[in-house]
Amino acid sequence: MPANQRKTGRNRVLVPGAEQALENYKYEIANELGINYTGDLGELTSRQNGYVGGYMVRKMIQQAENQMSQGAVQPAQLAQQPSPQGQQ
């Protein structure tokens, strides 16, 4: 997505530079689930899109839990969210 078309609301990327990594992760998860995801072009049902998104969140939470159990990340670090650009 071009820089001049930033998302607002709940569906924005909070960490600058993470958007492409999340997009790649989406394709990886869809492939893992056996869903032919070619981008959100209206070809998949809402249920399929939701399944991919839900599974992404589940795996990200699992990764964060693994990092916390190994002492690599403290829970307080996960709760810190960067402020959206332009706001302080």
Protein backbone atom coordinates (compact mmCIF):
# COMPACT_ATOMS: atom_id res chain seq x y z
CA MET A 1 0.00 0.00 0.00
CA PRO A 2 1.44 3.39 -0.94
CA ALA A 3 2.45 5.64 1.95
CA ASN A 4 -0.20 8.20 1.01
CA GLN A 5 -3.01 5.66 1.49
CA ARG A 6 -2.57 4.75 5.15
CA LYS A 7 -5.21 2.64 6.83
CA THR A 8 -7.08 4.06 9.77
CA GLY A 9 -9.01 2.41 12.56
CA ARG A 10 -8.48 -1.16 13.70
CA ASN A 11 -6.87 -2.49 10.52
CA ARG A 12 -3.71 -0.44 10.54
CA VAL A 13 -0.18 -1.73 11.01
CA LEU A 14 1.24 -0.36 14.26
CA VAL A 15 4.90 -1.05 13.55
CA PRO A 16 6.33 0.79 10.55
CA GLY A 17 7.84 -1.60 8.05
CA ALA A 18 5.85 -4.62 9.25
CA GLU A 19 3.14 -4.39 6.60
CA GLN A 20 5.01 -6.44 3.97
CA ALA A 21 5.98 -9.08 6.54
CA LEU A 22 2.34 -9.43 7.60
CA GLU A 23 1.24 -9.68 3.98
CA ASN A 24 3.79 -12.46 3.38
CA TYR A 25 2.65 -14.18 6.58
CA LYS A 26 -0.94 -14.10 5.33
CA TYR A 27 0.04 -15.98 2.15
CA GLU A 28 2.12 -18.45 4.18
CA ILE A 29 -0.79 -19.21 6.53
CA ALA A 30 -3.28 -19.56 3.68
CA ASN A 31 -0.93 -21.99 1.96
CA GLU A 32 -0.51 -23.93 5.20
CA LEU A 33 -4.30 -24.20 5.49
CA GLY A 34 -4.64 -25.31 1.87
CA ILE A 35 -6.46 -22.15 0.80
CA ASN A 36 -5.56 -20.70 -2.60
CA TYR A 37 -5.19 -17.07 -1.52
CA THR A 38 -4.38 -14.72 -4.36
CA GLY A 39 -5.02 -11.52 -2.46
CA ASP A 40 -8.35 -10.18 -1.31
CA LEU A 41 -9.98 -9.92 -4.73
CA GLY A 42 -13.39 -11.17 -3.64
CA GLU A 43 -12.60 -14.74 -4.62
CA LEU A 44 -12.72 -16.14 -1.08
CA THR A 45 -15.68 -16.25 1.23
CA SER A 46 -15.77 -14.17 4.40
CA ARG A 47 -15.41 -17.41 6.34
CA GLN A 48 -12.20 -18.33 4.49
CA ASN A 49 -10.72 -14.84 4.95
CA GLY A 50 -11.68 -14.93 8.62
CA TYR A 51 -10.13 -18.35 9.03
CA VAL A 52 -6.81 -17.12 7.62
CA GLY A 53 -6.86 -14.03 9.85
CA GLY A 54 -7.86 -15.99 12.94
CA TYR A 55 -5.15 -18.56 12.37
CA MET A 56 -2.58 -15.78 11.88
CA VAL A 57 -3.54 -14.28 15.24
CA ARG A 58 -3.46 -17.69 16.94
CA LYS A 59 0.06 -18.36 15.63
CA MET A 60 1.31 -14.87 16.57
CA ILE A 61 -0.01 -15.33 20.11
CA GLN A 62 1.67 -18.73 20.30
CA GLN A 63 4.97 -17.18 19.17
CA ALA A 64 4.68 -14.41 21.78
CA GLU A 65 3.93 -16.97 24.50
CA ASN A 66 6.98 -19.00 23.46
CA GLN A 67 9.16 -15.87 23.63
CA MET A 68 7.80 -15.01 27.08
CA SER A 69 8.35 -18.54 28.39
CA GLN A 70 11.98 -18.38 27.22
CA GLY A 71 12.47 -14.99 28.84
CA ALA A 72 13.17 -13.30 25.51
CA VAL A 73 10.29 -10.85 25.92
CA GLN A 74 8.62 -9.52 29.04
CA PRO A 75 4.80 -9.17 29.09
CA ALA A 76 5.11 -5.41 29.63
CA GLN A 77 7.06 -5.12 26.37
CA LEU A 78 4.18 -6.74 24.45
CA ALA A 79 1.68 -4.28 25.91
CA GLN A 80 3.60 -1.24 24.66
CA GLN A 81 2.18 0.01 21.39
CA PRO A 82 3.79 2.72 19.32
CA SER A 83 1.64 5.77 18.79
CA PRO A 84 0.24 6.14 15.27
CA GLN A 85 2.28 8.47 13.07
CA GLY A 86 1.32 12.08 13.50
CA GLN A 87 -0.14 11.54 16.99
CA GLN A 88 1.59 11.76 20.33
